[in-house]
């Protein structure tokens, strides 16, 4: 495993191999991360509570961890929208928006090959 520091990342990534698919999965490959990205892209969700309303039922500790990971990799940036108490909105960076083709490919593949699926709501 290689420890890699890149100037655009806040934390190092431990790579299992130099394979770009493997390295991408190290960041996005759990069952929650792309759903959060999906919600930002397709449902215009940006606040912590917004993500909790998704049908998949992500737990709060998992959501906090995945948002932190996405921020650490500059896929998402957080911006305060309220000071007392301090609350944040999460928005895709240009790097995060580049995930749209991946999300759309997964959507298209699922519609074509999986039974009992439908398009997720857009709002």
PDB file of N, CA and C in Angstrom:
ATOM      1  N   UNK A   1       0.835  -1.182   0.000  1.00  0.00           N
ATOM      2  CA  UNK A   1       0.000   0.000   0.000  1.00  0.00           C
ATOM      3  C   UNK A   1       0.878   1.243   0.000  1.00  0.00           C
ATOM      4  N   UNK A   2       0.470   2.213  -0.745  1.00  0.00           N
ATOM      5  CA  UNK A   2       1.215   3.461  -0.830  1.00  0.00           C
ATOM      6  C   UNK A   2       0.436   4.573  -0.138  1.00  0.00           C
ATOM      7  N   UNK A   3       1.136   5.399   0.592  1.00  0.00           N
ATOM      8  CA  UNK A   3       0.551   6.572   1.208  1.00  0.00           C
ATOM      9  C   UNK A   3       0.801   7.741   0.270  1.00  0.00           C
ATOM     10  N   UNK A   4      -0.265   8.343  -0.214  1.00  0.00           N
ATOM     11  CA  UNK A   4      -0.144   9.368  -1.240  1.00  0.00           C
ATOM     12  C   UNK A   4      -0.675  10.689  -0.705  1.00  0.00           C
ATOM     13  N   UNK A   5       0.121  11.754  -0.818  1.00  0.00           N
ATOM     14  CA  UNK A   5      -0.326  13.091  -0.480  1.00  0.00           C
ATOM     15  C   UNK A   5      -0.478  13.862  -1.773  1.00  0.00           C
ATOM     16  N   UNK A   6      -1.632  14.442  -1.965  1.00  0.00           N
ATOM     17  CA  UNK A   6      -1.861  15.280  -3.136  1.00  0.00           C
ATOM     18  C   UNK A   6      -2.231  16.667  -2.636  1.00  0.00           C
ATOM     19  N   UNK A   7      -1.799  17.682  -3.338  1.00  0.00           N
ATOM     20  CA  UNK A   7      -2.002  19.048  -2.876  1.00  0.00           C
ATOM     21  C   UNK A   7      -3.476  19.417  -2.774  1.00  0.00           C
ATOM     22  N   UNK A   8      -4.380  18.737  -3.485  1.00  0.00           N
ATOM     23  CA  UNK A   8      -5.792  19.065  -3.431  1.00  0.00           C
ATOM     24  C   UNK A   8      -6.530  18.316  -2.331  1.00  0.00           C
ATOM     25  N   UNK A   9      -5.858  17.441  -1.608  1.00  0.00           N
ATOM     26  CA  UNK A   9      -6.523  16.656  -0.577  1.00  0.00           C
ATOM     27  C   UNK A   9      -6.067  17.099   0.803  1.00  0.00           C
ATOM     28  N   UNK A  10      -6.982  17.047   1.763  1.00  0.00           N
ATOM     29  CA  UNK A  10      -6.676  17.419   3.131  1.00  0.00           C
ATOM     30  C   UNK A  10      -6.055  16.269   3.901  1.00  0.00           C
ATOM     31  N   UNK A  11      -6.389  15.035   3.524  1.00  0.00           N
ATOM     32  CA  UNK A  11      -5.868  13.856   4.202  1.00  0.00           C
ATOM     33  C   UNK A  11      -5.226  12.928   3.181  1.00  0.00           C
ATOM     34  N   UNK A  12      -4.237  12.138   3.612  1.00  0.00           N
ATOM     35  CA  UNK A  12      -3.639  11.198   2.671  1.00  0.00           C
ATOM     36  C   UNK A  12      -4.603  10.056   2.345  1.00  0.00           C
ATOM     37  N   UNK A  13      -4.423   9.492   1.191  1.00  0.00           N
ATOM     38  CA  UNK A  13      -5.198   8.331   0.771  1.00  0.00           C
ATOM     39  C   UNK A  13      -4.269   7.135   0.782  1.00  0.00           C
ATOM     40  N   UNK A  14      -4.721   6.042   1.370  1.00  0.00           N
ATOM     41  CA  UNK A  14      -3.947   4.811   1.309  1.00  0.00           C
ATOM     42  C   UNK A  14      -4.445   4.045   0.097  1.00  0.00           C
ATOM     43  N   UNK A  15      -3.578   3.904  -0.891  1.00  0.00           N
ATOM     44  CA  UNK A  15      -3.947   3.213  -2.116  1.00  0.00           C
ATOM     45  C   UNK A  15      -3.560   1.748  -2.030  1.00  0.00           C
ATOM     46  N   UNK A  16      -4.496   0.883  -2.395  1.00  0.00           N
ATOM     47  CA  UNK A  16      -4.208  -0.550  -2.445  1.00  0.00           C
ATOM     48  C   UNK A  16      -3.412  -0.895  -3.679  1.00  0.00           C
ATOM     49  N   UNK A  17      -3.601  -0.101  -4.730  1.00  0.00           N
ATOM     50  CA  UNK A  17      -2.869  -0.305  -5.975  1.00  0.00           C
ATOM     51  C   UNK A  17      -2.948   0.986  -6.771  1.00  0.00           C
ATOM     52  N   UNK A  18      -2.154   1.104  -7.836  1.00  0.00           N
ATOM     53  CA  UNK A  18      -2.228   2.303  -8.671  1.00  0.00           C
ATOM     54  C   UNK A  18      -3.407   2.280  -9.646  1.00  0.00           C
ATOM     55  N   UNK A  19      -4.220   1.238  -9.618  1.00  0.00           N
ATOM     56  CA  UNK A  19      -5.365   1.131 -10.516  1.00  0.00           C
ATOM     57  C   UNK A  19      -6.356   2.267 -10.227  1.00  0.00           C
ATOM     58  N   UNK A  20      -6.764   3.043 -11.244  1.00  0.00           N
ATOM     59  CA  UNK A  20      -7.685   4.152 -11.005  1.00  0.00           C
ATOM     60  C   UNK A  20      -9.050   3.693 -10.499  1.00  0.00           C
ATOM     61  N   UNK A  21      -9.521   2.521 -10.894  1.00  0.00           N
ATOM     62  CA  UNK A  21     -10.804   2.022 -10.386  1.00  0.00           C
ATOM     63  C   UNK A  21     -10.685   1.686  -8.910  1.00  0.00           C
ATOM     64  N   UNK A  22      -9.634   0.972  -8.550  1.00  0.00           N
ATOM     65  CA  UNK A  22      -9.411   0.626  -7.152  1.00  0.00           C
ATOM     66  C   UNK A  22      -9.271   1.887  -6.291  1.00  0.00           C
ATOM     67  N   UNK A  23      -8.514   2.846  -6.775  1.00  0.00           N
ATOM     68  CA  UNK A  23      -8.287   4.077  -6.008  1.00  0.00           C
ATOM     69  C   UNK A  23      -9.568   4.895  -5.866  1.00  0.00           C
ATOM     70  N   UNK A  24     -10.400   4.913  -6.907  1.00  0.00           N
ATOM     71  CA  UNK A  24     -11.687   5.607  -6.826  1.00  0.00           C
ATOM     72  C   UNK A  24     -12.597   4.908  -5.833  1.00  0.00           C
ATOM     73  N   UNK A  25     -12.606   3.584  -5.866  1.00  0.00           N
ATOM     74  CA  UNK A  25     -13.441   2.835  -4.922  1.00  0.00           C
ATOM     75  C   UNK A  25     -12.993   3.024  -3.479  1.00  0.00           C
ATOM     76  N   UNK A  26     -11.716   3.298  -3.264  1.00  0.00           N
ATOM     77  CA  UNK A  26     -11.251   3.570  -1.905  1.00  0.00           C
ATOM     78  C   UNK A  26     -11.949   4.796  -1.317  1.00  0.00           C
ATOM     79  N   UNK A  27     -12.373   5.713  -2.162  1.00  0.00           N
ATOM     80  CA  UNK A  27     -13.057   6.925  -1.709  1.00  0.00           C
ATOM     81  C   UNK A  27     -14.570   6.787  -1.811  1.00  0.00           C
ATOM     82  N   UNK A  28     -15.060   6.218  -2.896  1.00  0.00           N
ATOM     83  CA  UNK A  28     -16.496   6.232  -3.190  1.00  0.00           C
ATOM     84  C   UNK A  28     -17.180   4.876  -3.077  1.00  0.00           C
ATOM     85  N   UNK A  29     -16.438   3.840  -2.731  1.00  0.00           N
ATOM     86  CA  UNK A  29     -16.931   2.481  -2.894  1.00  0.00           C
ATOM     87  C   UNK A  29     -17.797   1.899  -1.805  1.00  0.00           C
ATOM     88  N   UNK A  30     -18.216   2.665  -0.814  1.00  0.00           N
ATOM     89  CA  UNK A  30     -19.133   2.103   0.177  1.00  0.00           C
ATOM     90  C   UNK A  30     -20.564   2.293  -0.315  1.00  0.00           C
ATOM     91  N   UNK A  31     -21.534   1.808   0.432  1.00  0.00           N
ATOM     92  CA  UNK A  31     -22.909   1.859  -0.056  1.00  0.00           C
ATOM     93  C   UNK A  31     -23.601   3.192   0.163  1.00  0.00           C
ATOM     94  N   UNK A  32     -22.944   4.161   0.775  1.00  0.00           N
ATOM     95  CA  UNK A  32     -23.594   5.441   1.077  1.00  0.00           C
ATOM     96  C   UNK A  32     -23.060   6.634   0.285  1.00  0.00           C
ATOM     97  N   UNK A  33     -21.800   6.663  -0.019  1.00  0.00           N
ATOM     98  CA  UNK A  33     -21.166   7.870  -0.551  1.00  0.00           C
ATOM     99  C   UNK A  33     -21.784   8.342  -1.864  1.00  0.00           C
ATOM    100  N   UNK A  34     -21.966   7.449  -2.815  1.00  0.00           N
ATOM    101  CA  UNK A  34     -22.553   7.868  -4.091  1.00  0.00           C
ATOM    102  C   UNK A  34     -24.021   8.254  -3.950  1.00  0.00           C
ATOM    103  N   UNK A  35     -24.700   7.726  -2.924  1.00  0.00           N
ATOM    104  CA  UNK A  35     -26.085   8.145  -2.693  1.00  0.00           C
ATOM    105  C   UNK A  35     -26.139   9.592  -2.215  1.00  0.00           C
ATOM    106  N   UNK A  36     -25.168   9.997  -1.419  1.00  0.00           N
ATOM    107  CA  UNK A  36     -25.090  11.394  -0.986  1.00  0.00           C
ATOM    108  C   UNK A  36     -24.805  12.284  -2.188  1.00  0.00           C
ATOM    109  N   UNK A  37     -23.863  11.860  -3.032  1.00  0.00           N
ATOM    110  CA  UNK A  37     -23.557  12.610  -4.256  1.00  0.00           C
ATOM    111  C   UNK A  37     -24.792  12.649  -5.161  1.00  0.00           C
ATOM    112  N   UNK A  38     -25.470  11.528  -5.288  1.00  0.00           N
ATOM    113  CA  UNK A  38     -26.714  11.474  -6.072  1.00  0.00           C
ATOM    114  C   UNK A  38     -27.718  12.512  -5.573  1.00  0.00           C
ATOM    115  N   UNK A  39     -27.895  12.578  -4.268  1.00  0.00           N
ATOM    116  CA  UNK A  39     -28.863  13.520  -3.701  1.00  0.00           C
ATOM    117  C   UNK A  39     -28.475  14.969  -3.979  1.00  0.00           C
ATOM    118  N   UNK A  40     -27.195  15.262  -3.987  1.00  0.00           N
ATOM    119  CA  UNK A  40     -26.770  16.621  -4.310  1.00  0.00           C
ATOM    120  C   UNK A  40     -27.004  16.924  -5.790  1.00  0.00           C
ATOM    121  N   UNK A  41     -26.736  15.950  -6.641  1.00  0.00           N
ATOM    122  CA  UNK A  41     -26.874  16.149  -8.081  1.00  0.00           C
ATOM    123  C   UNK A  41     -28.331  16.155  -8.542  1.00  0.00           C
ATOM    124  N   UNK A  42     -29.110  15.196  -8.075  1.00  0.00           N
ATOM    125  CA  UNK A  42     -30.436  14.974  -8.631  1.00  0.00           C
ATOM    126  C   UNK A  42     -31.572  15.542  -7.791  1.00  0.00           C
ATOM    127  N   UNK A  43     -31.388  15.684  -6.495  1.00  0.00           N
ATOM    128  CA  UNK A  43     -32.482  16.113  -5.625  1.00  0.00           C
ATOM    129  C   UNK A  43     -32.214  17.454  -4.958  1.00  0.00           C
ATOM    130  N   UNK A  44     -31.109  18.086  -5.300  1.00  0.00           N
ATOM    131  CA  UNK A  44     -30.769  19.405  -4.776  1.00  0.00           C
ATOM    132  C   UNK A  44     -30.776  19.441  -3.246  1.00  0.00           C
ATOM    133  N   UNK A  45     -30.271  18.371  -2.639  1.00  0.00           N
ATOM    134  CA  UNK A  45     -30.165  18.319  -1.185  1.00  0.00           C
ATOM    135  C   UNK A  45     -28.803  18.867  -0.787  1.00  0.00           C
ATOM    136  N   UNK A  46     -28.783  19.700   0.247  1.00  0.00           N
ATOM    137  CA  UNK A  46     -27.523  20.306   0.669  1.00  0.00           C
ATOM    138  C   UNK A  46     -27.351  20.377   2.180  1.00  0.00           C
ATOM    139  N   UNK A  47     -28.408  20.200   2.918  1.00  0.00           N
ATOM    140  CA  UNK A  47     -28.319  20.294   4.373  1.00  0.00           C
ATOM    141  C   UNK A  47     -28.374  18.908   4.991  1.00  0.00           C
ATOM    142  N   UNK A  48     -27.750  18.801   6.153  1.00  0.00           N
ATOM    143  CA  UNK A  48     -27.638  17.526   6.849  1.00  0.00           C
ATOM    144  C   UNK A  48     -28.994  16.830   6.942  1.00  0.00           C
ATOM    145  N   UNK A  49     -29.998  17.566   7.395  1.00  0.00           N
ATOM    146  CA  UNK A  49     -31.327  16.988   7.539  1.00  0.00           C
ATOM    147  C   UNK A  49     -31.929  16.544   6.221  1.00  0.00           C
ATOM    148  N   UNK A  50     -31.577  17.216   5.130  1.00  0.00           N
ATOM    149  CA  UNK A  50     -32.074  16.824   3.806  1.00  0.00           C
ATOM    150  C   UNK A  50     -31.650  15.401   3.463  1.00  0.00           C
ATOM    151  N   UNK A  51     -30.399  15.080   3.758  1.00  0.00           N
ATOM    152  CA  UNK A  51     -29.877  13.750   3.429  1.00  0.00           C
ATOM    153  C   UNK A  51     -30.564  12.665   4.257  1.00  0.00           C
ATOM    154  N   UNK A  52     -30.976  13.020   5.460  1.00  0.00           N
ATOM    155  CA  UNK A  52     -31.632  12.050   6.336  1.00  0.00           C
ATOM    156  C   UNK A  52     -33.025  11.672   5.837  1.00  0.00           C
ATOM    157  N   UNK A  53     -33.595  12.465   4.935  1.00  0.00           N
ATOM    158  CA  UNK A  53     -34.940  12.171   4.418  1.00  0.00           C
ATOM    159  C   UNK A  53     -34.921  11.188   3.253  1.00  0.00           C
ATOM    160  N   UNK A  54     -33.756  10.816   2.759  1.00  0.00           N
ATOM    161  CA  UNK A  54     -33.685   9.863   1.645  1.00  0.00           C
ATOM    162  C   UNK A  54     -34.215   8.502   2.085  1.00  0.00           C
ATOM    163  N   UNK A  55     -34.836   7.801   1.159  1.00  0.00           N
ATOM    164  CA  UNK A  55     -35.483   6.514   1.455  1.00  0.00           C
ATOM    165  C   UNK A  55     -34.533   5.462   2.003  1.00  0.00           C
ATOM    166  N   UNK A  56     -33.247   5.570   1.669  1.00  0.00           N
ATOM    167  CA  UNK A  56     -32.299   4.525   2.076  1.00  0.00           C
ATOM    168  C   UNK A  56     -32.041   4.512   3.581  1.00  0.00           C
ATOM    169  N   UNK A  57     -32.340   5.591   4.283  1.00  0.00           N
ATOM    170  CA  UNK A  57     -32.260   5.611   5.744  1.00  0.00           C
ATOM    171  C   UNK A  57     -30.850   5.602   6.314  1.00  0.00           C
ATOM    172  N   UNK A  58     -30.006   6.477   5.869  1.00  0.00           N
ATOM    173  CA  UNK A  58     -28.643   6.552   6.391  1.00  0.00           C
ATOM    174  C   UNK A  58     -28.673   6.991   7.859  1.00  0.00           C
ATOM    175  N   UNK A  59     -27.840   6.360   8.675  1.00  0.00           N
ATOM    176  CA  UNK A  59     -27.727   6.740  10.089  1.00  0.00           C
ATOM    177  C   UNK A  59     -26.900   8.014  10.212  1.00  0.00           C
ATOM    178  N   UNK A  60     -27.151   8.775  11.252  1.00  0.00           N
ATOM    179  CA  UNK A  60     -26.507  10.077  11.417  1.00  0.00           C
ATOM    180  C   UNK A  60     -24.996   9.972  11.527  1.00  0.00           C
ATOM    181  N   UNK A  61     -24.487   8.962  12.219  1.00  0.00           N
ATOM    182  CA  UNK A  61     -23.036   8.835  12.359  1.00  0.00           C
ATOM    183  C   UNK A  61     -22.373   8.488  11.027  1.00  0.00           C
ATOM    184  N   UNK A  62     -23.041   7.689  10.214  1.00  0.00           N
ATOM    185  CA  UNK A  62     -22.511   7.334   8.900  1.00  0.00           C
ATOM    186  C   UNK A  62     -22.548   8.558   7.992  1.00  0.00           C
ATOM    187  N   UNK A  63     -23.641   9.301   8.017  1.00  0.00           N
ATOM    188  CA  UNK A  63     -23.761  10.511   7.203  1.00  0.00           C
ATOM    189  C   UNK A  63     -22.659  11.502   7.548  1.00  0.00           C
ATOM    190  N   UNK A  64     -22.445  11.727   8.832  1.00  0.00           N
ATOM    191  CA  UNK A  64     -21.397  12.666   9.250  1.00  0.00           C
ATOM    192  C   UNK A  64     -20.034  12.213   8.755  1.00  0.00           C
ATOM    193  N   UNK A  65     -19.758  10.925   8.855  1.00  0.00           N
ATOM    194  CA  UNK A  65     -18.471  10.389   8.396  1.00  0.00           C
ATOM    195  C   UNK A  65     -18.304  10.542   6.887  1.00  0.00           C
ATOM    196  N   UNK A  66     -19.341  10.227   6.115  1.00  0.00           N
ATOM    197  CA  UNK A  66     -19.228  10.309   4.658  1.00  0.00           C
ATOM    198  C   UNK A  66     -19.122  11.758   4.187  1.00  0.00           C
ATOM    199  N   UNK A  67     -19.849  12.675   4.802  1.00  0.00           N
ATOM    200  CA  UNK A  67     -19.714  14.086   4.441  1.00  0.00           C
ATOM    201  C   UNK A  67     -18.306  14.583   4.754  1.00  0.00           C
ATOM    202  N   UNK A  68     -17.768  14.162   5.877  1.00  0.00           N
ATOM    203  CA  UNK A  68     -16.405  14.551   6.237  1.00  0.00           C
ATOM    204  C   UNK A  68     -15.406  13.993   5.222  1.00  0.00           C
ATOM    205  N   UNK A  69     -15.582  12.737   4.820  1.00  0.00           N
ATOM    206  CA  UNK A  69     -14.685  12.124   3.832  1.00  0.00           C
ATOM    207  C   UNK A  69     -14.775  12.858   2.496  1.00  0.00           C
ATOM    208  N   UNK A  70     -15.985  13.170   2.059  1.00  0.00           N
ATOM    209  CA  UNK A  70     -16.154  13.900   0.802  1.00  0.00           C
ATOM    210  C   UNK A  70     -15.505  15.281   0.867  1.00  0.00           C
ATOM    211  N   UNK A  71     -15.598  15.930   2.017  1.00  0.00           N
ATOM    212  CA  UNK A  71     -14.932  17.227   2.193  1.00  0.00           C
ATOM    213  C   UNK A  71     -13.415  17.053   2.204  1.00  0.00           C
ATOM    214  N   UNK A  72     -12.934  16.026   2.884  1.00  0.00           N
ATOM    215  CA  UNK A  72     -11.485  15.772   2.955  1.00  0.00           C
ATOM    216  C   UNK A  72     -10.867  15.564   1.576  1.00  0.00           C
ATOM    217  N   UNK A  73     -11.656  15.040   0.652  1.00  0.00           N
ATOM    218  CA  UNK A  73     -11.164  14.774  -0.704  1.00  0.00           C
ATOM    219  C   UNK A  73     -11.559  15.863  -1.696  1.00  0.00           C
ATOM    220  N   UNK A  74     -12.035  16.979  -1.162  1.00  0.00           N
ATOM    221  CA  UNK A  74     -12.433  18.127  -1.994  1.00  0.00           C
ATOM    222  C   UNK A  74     -13.464  17.764  -3.057  1.00  0.00           C
ATOM    223  N   UNK A  75     -14.327  16.827  -2.737  1.00  0.00           N
ATOM    224  CA  UNK A  75     -15.445  16.466  -3.597  1.00  0.00           C
ATOM    225  C   UNK A  75     -16.653  17.324  -3.218  1.00  0.00           C
ATOM    226  N   UNK A  76     -16.709  17.665  -1.950  1.00  0.00           N
ATOM    227  CA  UNK A  76     -17.778  18.497  -1.390  1.00  0.00           C
ATOM    228  C   UNK A  76     -17.130  19.579  -0.547  1.00  0.00           C
ATOM    229  N   UNK A  77     -17.754  20.749  -0.539  1.00  0.00           N
ATOM    230  CA  UNK A  77     -17.317  21.799   0.381  1.00  0.00           C
ATOM    231  C   UNK A  77     -18.495  22.161   1.275  1.00  0.00           C
ATOM    232  N   UNK A  78     -18.191  22.508   2.515  1.00  0.00           N
ATOM    233  CA  UNK A  78     -19.268  22.896   3.410  1.00  0.00           C
ATOM    234  C   UNK A  78     -19.195  24.394   3.662  1.00  0.00           C
ATOM    235  N   UNK A  79     -20.380  24.987   3.731  1.00  0.00           N
ATOM    236  CA  UNK A  79     -20.496  26.423   3.952  1.00  0.00           C
ATOM    237  C   UNK A  79     -21.508  26.648   5.053  1.00  0.00           C
ATOM    238  N   UNK A  80     -21.147  27.483   6.020  1.00  0.00           N
ATOM    239  CA  UNK A  80     -22.073  27.789   7.105  1.00  0.00           C
ATOM    240  C   UNK A  80     -23.257  28.584   6.552  1.00  0.00           C
ATOM    241  N   UNK A  81     -24.464  28.199   6.949  1.00  0.00           N
ATOM    242  CA  UNK A  81     -25.648  28.970   6.583  1.00  0.00           C
ATOM    243  C   UNK A  81     -26.340  29.531   7.819  1.00  0.00           C
ATOM    244  N   UNK A  82     -25.866  29.118   9.004  1.00  0.00           N
ATOM    245  CA  UNK A  82     -26.447  29.601  10.256  1.00  0.00           C
ATOM    246  C   UNK A  82     -25.349  29.613  11.303  1.00  0.00           C
ATOM    247  N   UNK A  83     -25.349  30.652  12.125  1.00  0.00           N
ATOM    248  CA  UNK A  83     -24.277  30.783  13.120  1.00  0.00           C
ATOM    249  C   UNK A  83     -24.638  30.248  14.494  1.00  0.00           C
ATOM    250  N   UNK A  84     -25.886  30.394  14.924  1.00  0.00           N
ATOM    251  CA  UNK A  84     -26.228  29.979  16.281  1.00  0.00           C
ATOM    252  C   UNK A  84     -27.517  29.176  16.262  1.00  0.00           C
ATOM    253  N   UNK A  85     -27.454  27.853  16.332  1.00  0.00           N
ATOM    254  CA  UNK A  85     -26.250  27.031  16.344  1.00  0.00           C
ATOM    255  C   UNK A  85     -25.623  26.966  14.945  1.00  0.00           C
ATOM    256  N   UNK A  86     -24.339  26.667  14.922  1.00  0.00           N
ATOM    257  CA  UNK A  86     -23.606  26.590  13.667  1.00  0.00           C
ATOM    258  C   UNK A  86     -24.109  25.411  12.846  1.00  0.00           C
ATOM    259  N   UNK A  87     -24.545  25.700  11.628  1.00  0.00           N
ATOM    260  CA  UNK A  87     -25.038  24.659  10.715  1.00  0.00           C
ATOM    261  C   UNK A  87     -24.471  24.908   9.328  1.00  0.00           C
ATOM    262  N   UNK A  88     -24.323  23.805   8.590  1.00  0.00           N
ATOM    263  CA  UNK A  88     -23.654  23.879   7.293  1.00  0.00           C
ATOM    264  C   UNK A  88     -24.543  23.360   6.167  1.00  0.00           C
ATOM    265  N   UNK A  89     -24.256  23.860   4.979  1.00  0.00           N
ATOM    266  CA  UNK A  89     -24.748  23.288   3.742  1.00  0.00           C
ATOM    267  C   UNK A  89     -23.557  22.655   3.047  1.00  0.00           C
ATOM    268  N   UNK A  90     -23.834  21.616   2.283  1.00  0.00           N
ATOM    269  CA  UNK A  90     -22.788  20.891   1.569  1.00  0.00           C
ATOM    270  C   UNK A  90     -23.057  21.002   0.070  1.00  0.00           C
ATOM    271  N   UNK A  91     -22.021  21.377  -0.667  1.00  0.00           N
ATOM    272  CA  UNK A  91     -22.148  21.567  -2.112  1.00  0.00           C
ATOM    273  C   UNK A  91     -21.008  20.858  -2.826  1.00  0.00           C
ATOM    274  N   UNK A  92     -21.334  20.289  -3.980  1.00  0.00           N
ATOM    275  CA  UNK A  92     -20.307  19.641  -4.787  1.00  0.00           C
ATOM    276  C   UNK A  92     -19.343  20.679  -5.339  1.00  0.00           C
ATOM    277  N   UNK A  93     -18.075  20.351  -5.291  1.00  0.00           N
ATOM    278  CA  UNK A  93     -17.043  21.154  -5.936  1.00  0.00           C
ATOM    279  C   UNK A  93     -17.028  20.767  -7.419  1.00  0.00           C
ATOM    280  N   UNK A  94     -16.252  21.455  -8.246  1.00  0.00           N
ATOM    281  CA  UNK A  94     -16.124  20.995  -9.641  1.00  0.00           C
ATOM    282  C   UNK A  94     -15.676  19.525  -9.713  1.00  0.00           C
ATOM    283  N   UNK A  95     -14.792  19.127  -8.822  1.00  0.00           N
ATOM    284  CA  UNK A  95     -14.342  17.735  -8.767  1.00  0.00           C
ATOM    285  C   UNK A  95     -15.524  16.810  -8.461  1.00  0.00           C
ATOM    286  N   UNK A  96     -16.393  17.228  -7.559  1.00  0.00           N
ATOM    287  CA  UNK A  96     -17.575  16.438  -7.229  1.00  0.00           C
ATOM    288  C   UNK A  96     -18.577  16.386  -8.359  1.00  0.00           C
ATOM    289  N   UNK A  97     -18.747  17.502  -9.055  1.00  0.00           N
ATOM    290  CA  UNK A  97     -19.676  17.544 -10.192  1.00  0.00           C
ATOM    291  C   UNK A  97     -19.213  16.627 -11.315  1.00  0.00           C
ATOM    292  N   UNK A  98     -17.916  16.364 -11.379  1.00  0.00           N
ATOM    293  CA  UNK A  98     -17.385  15.436 -12.384  1.00  0.00           C
ATOM    294  C   UNK A  98     -17.839  13.999 -12.146  1.00  0.00           C
ATOM    295  N   UNK A  99     -18.475  13.733 -11.004  1.00  0.00           N
ATOM    296  CA  UNK A  99     -19.017  12.402 -10.724  1.00  0.00           C
ATOM    297  C   UNK A  99     -20.380  12.181 -11.386  1.00  0.00           C
ATOM    298  N   UNK A 100     -20.968  13.224 -11.974  1.00  0.00           N
ATOM    299  CA  UNK A 100     -22.293  13.092 -12.587  1.00  0.00           C
ATOM    300  C   UNK A 100     -22.359  11.961 -13.616  1.00  0.00           C
ATOM    301  N   UNK A 101     -21.386  11.816 -14.507  1.00  0.00           N
ATOM    302  CA  UNK A 101     -21.474  10.699 -15.469  1.00  0.00           C
ATOM    303  C   UNK A 101     -21.455   9.326 -14.790  1.00  0.00           C
ATOM    304  N   UNK A 102     -20.721   9.203 -13.692  1.00  0.00           N
ATOM    305  CA  UNK A 102     -20.677   7.938 -12.960  1.00  0.00           C
ATOM    306  C   UNK A 102     -22.036   7.637 -12.337  1.00  0.00           C
ATOM    307  N   UNK A 103     -22.650   8.637 -11.700  1.00  0.00           N
ATOM    308  CA  UNK A 103     -23.970   8.466 -11.100  1.00  0.00           C
ATOM    309  C   UNK A 103     -24.997   8.144 -12.186  1.00  0.00           C
ATOM    310  N   UNK A 104     -24.942   8.860 -13.302  1.00  0.00           N
ATOM    311  CA  UNK A 104     -25.884   8.613 -14.389  1.00  0.00           C
ATOM    312  C   UNK A 104     -25.687   7.236 -15.013  1.00  0.00           C
ATOM    313  N   UNK A 105     -24.442   6.785 -15.109  1.00  0.00           N
ATOM    314  CA  UNK A 105     -24.181   5.440 -15.653  1.00  0.00           C
ATOM    315  C   UNK A 105     -24.751   4.363 -14.730  1.00  0.00           C
ATOM    316  N   UNK A 106     -24.605   4.545 -13.422  1.00  0.00           N
ATOM    317  CA  UNK A 106     -25.166   3.581 -12.473  1.00  0.00           C
ATOM    318  C   UNK A 106     -26.688   3.573 -12.560  1.00  0.00           C
ATOM    319  N   UNK A 107     -27.282   4.747 -12.722  1.00  0.00           N
ATOM    320  CA  UNK A 107     -28.727   4.857 -12.866  1.00  0.00           C
ATOM    321  C   UNK A 107     -29.197   4.134 -14.127  1.00  0.00           C
ATOM    322  N   UNK A 108     -28.543   4.393 -15.245  1.00  0.00           N
ATOM    323  CA  UNK A 108     -28.917   3.778 -16.521  1.00  0.00           C
ATOM    324  C   UNK A 108     -28.748   2.261 -16.460  1.00  0.00           C
ATOM    325  N   UNK A 109     -27.655   1.803 -15.902  1.00  0.00           N
ATOM    326  CA  UNK A 109     -27.399   0.367 -15.792  1.00  0.00           C
ATOM    327  C   UNK A 109     -28.467  -0.291 -14.916  1.00  0.00           C
ATOM    328  N   UNK A 110     -28.781   0.339 -13.779  1.00  0.00           N
ATOM    329  CA  UNK A 110     -29.790  -0.219 -12.888  1.00  0.00           C
ATOM    330  C   UNK A 110     -31.161  -0.312 -13.530  1.00  0.00           C
ATOM    331  N   UNK A 111     -31.552   0.738 -14.257  1.00  0.00           N
ATOM    332  CA  UNK A 111     -32.847   0.707 -14.946  1.00  0.00           C
ATOM    333  C   UNK A 111     -32.901  -0.397 -15.996  1.00  0.00           C
ATOM    334  N   UNK A 112     -31.786  -0.643 -16.641  1.00  0.00           N
ATOM    335  CA  UNK A 112     -31.743  -1.646 -17.705  1.00  0.00           C
ATOM    336  C   UNK A 112     -31.689  -3.079 -17.173  1.00  0.00           C
ATOM    337  N   UNK A 113     -30.957  -3.288 -16.073  1.00  0.00           N
ATOM    338  CA  UNK A 113     -30.636  -4.661 -15.678  1.00  0.00           C
ATOM    339  C   UNK A 113     -31.240  -5.136 -14.359  1.00  0.00           C
ATOM    340  N   UNK A 114     -31.838  -4.264 -13.578  1.00  0.00           N
ATOM    341  CA  UNK A 114     -32.344  -4.678 -12.266  1.00  0.00           C
ATOM    342  C   UNK A 114     -33.866  -4.619 -12.230  1.00  0.00           C
ATOM    343  N   UNK A 115     -34.499  -5.659 -11.683  1.00  0.00           N
ATOM    344  CA  UNK A 115     -35.959  -5.648 -11.605  1.00  0.00           C
ATOM    345  C   UNK A 115     -36.427  -4.713 -10.479  1.00  0.00           C
ATOM    346  N   UNK A 116     -37.631  -4.220 -10.618  1.00  0.00           N
ATOM    347  CA  UNK A 116     -38.301  -3.435  -9.574  1.00  0.00           C
ATOM    348  C   UNK A 116     -37.556  -2.184  -9.168  1.00  0.00           C
ATOM    349  N   UNK A 117     -36.934  -1.487 -10.116  1.00  0.00           N
ATOM    350  CA  UNK A 117     -36.306  -0.210  -9.822  1.00  0.00           C
ATOM    351  C   UNK A 117     -36.992   0.862 -10.649  1.00  0.00           C
ATOM    352  N   UNK A 118     -36.885   2.097 -10.189  1.00  0.00           N
ATOM    353  CA  UNK A 118     -37.450   3.222 -10.931  1.00  0.00           C
ATOM    354  C   UNK A 118     -36.576   4.442 -10.674  1.00  0.00           C
ATOM    355  N   UNK A 119     -36.803   5.465 -11.458  1.00  0.00           N
ATOM    356  CA  UNK A 119     -36.026   6.693 -11.279  1.00  0.00           C
ATOM    357  C   UNK A 119     -36.293   7.280  -9.893  1.00  0.00           C
ATOM    358  N   UNK A 120     -35.225   7.715  -9.225  1.00  0.00           N
ATOM    359  CA  UNK A 120     -35.436   8.370  -7.933  1.00  0.00           C
ATOM    360  C   UNK A 120     -36.081   9.737  -8.151  1.00  0.00           C
ATOM    361  N   UNK A 121     -36.780  10.240  -7.131  1.00  0.00           N
ATOM    362  CA  UNK A 121     -37.375  11.582  -7.290  1.00  0.00           C
ATOM    363  C   UNK A 121     -36.296  12.632  -7.517  1.00  0.00           C
ATOM    364  N   UNK A 122     -36.629  13.666  -8.252  1.00  0.00           N
ATOM    365  CA  UNK A 122     -35.658  14.724  -8.541  1.00  0.00           C
ATOM    366  C   UNK A 122     -35.758  15.882  -7.571  1.00  0.00           C
ATOM    367  N   UNK A 123     -36.718  15.901  -6.689  1.00  0.00           N
ATOM    368  CA  UNK A 123     -36.813  16.956  -5.672  1.00  0.00           C
ATOM    369  C   UNK A 123     -37.408  16.427  -4.405  1.00  0.00           C
TER     370      UNK A 123
END
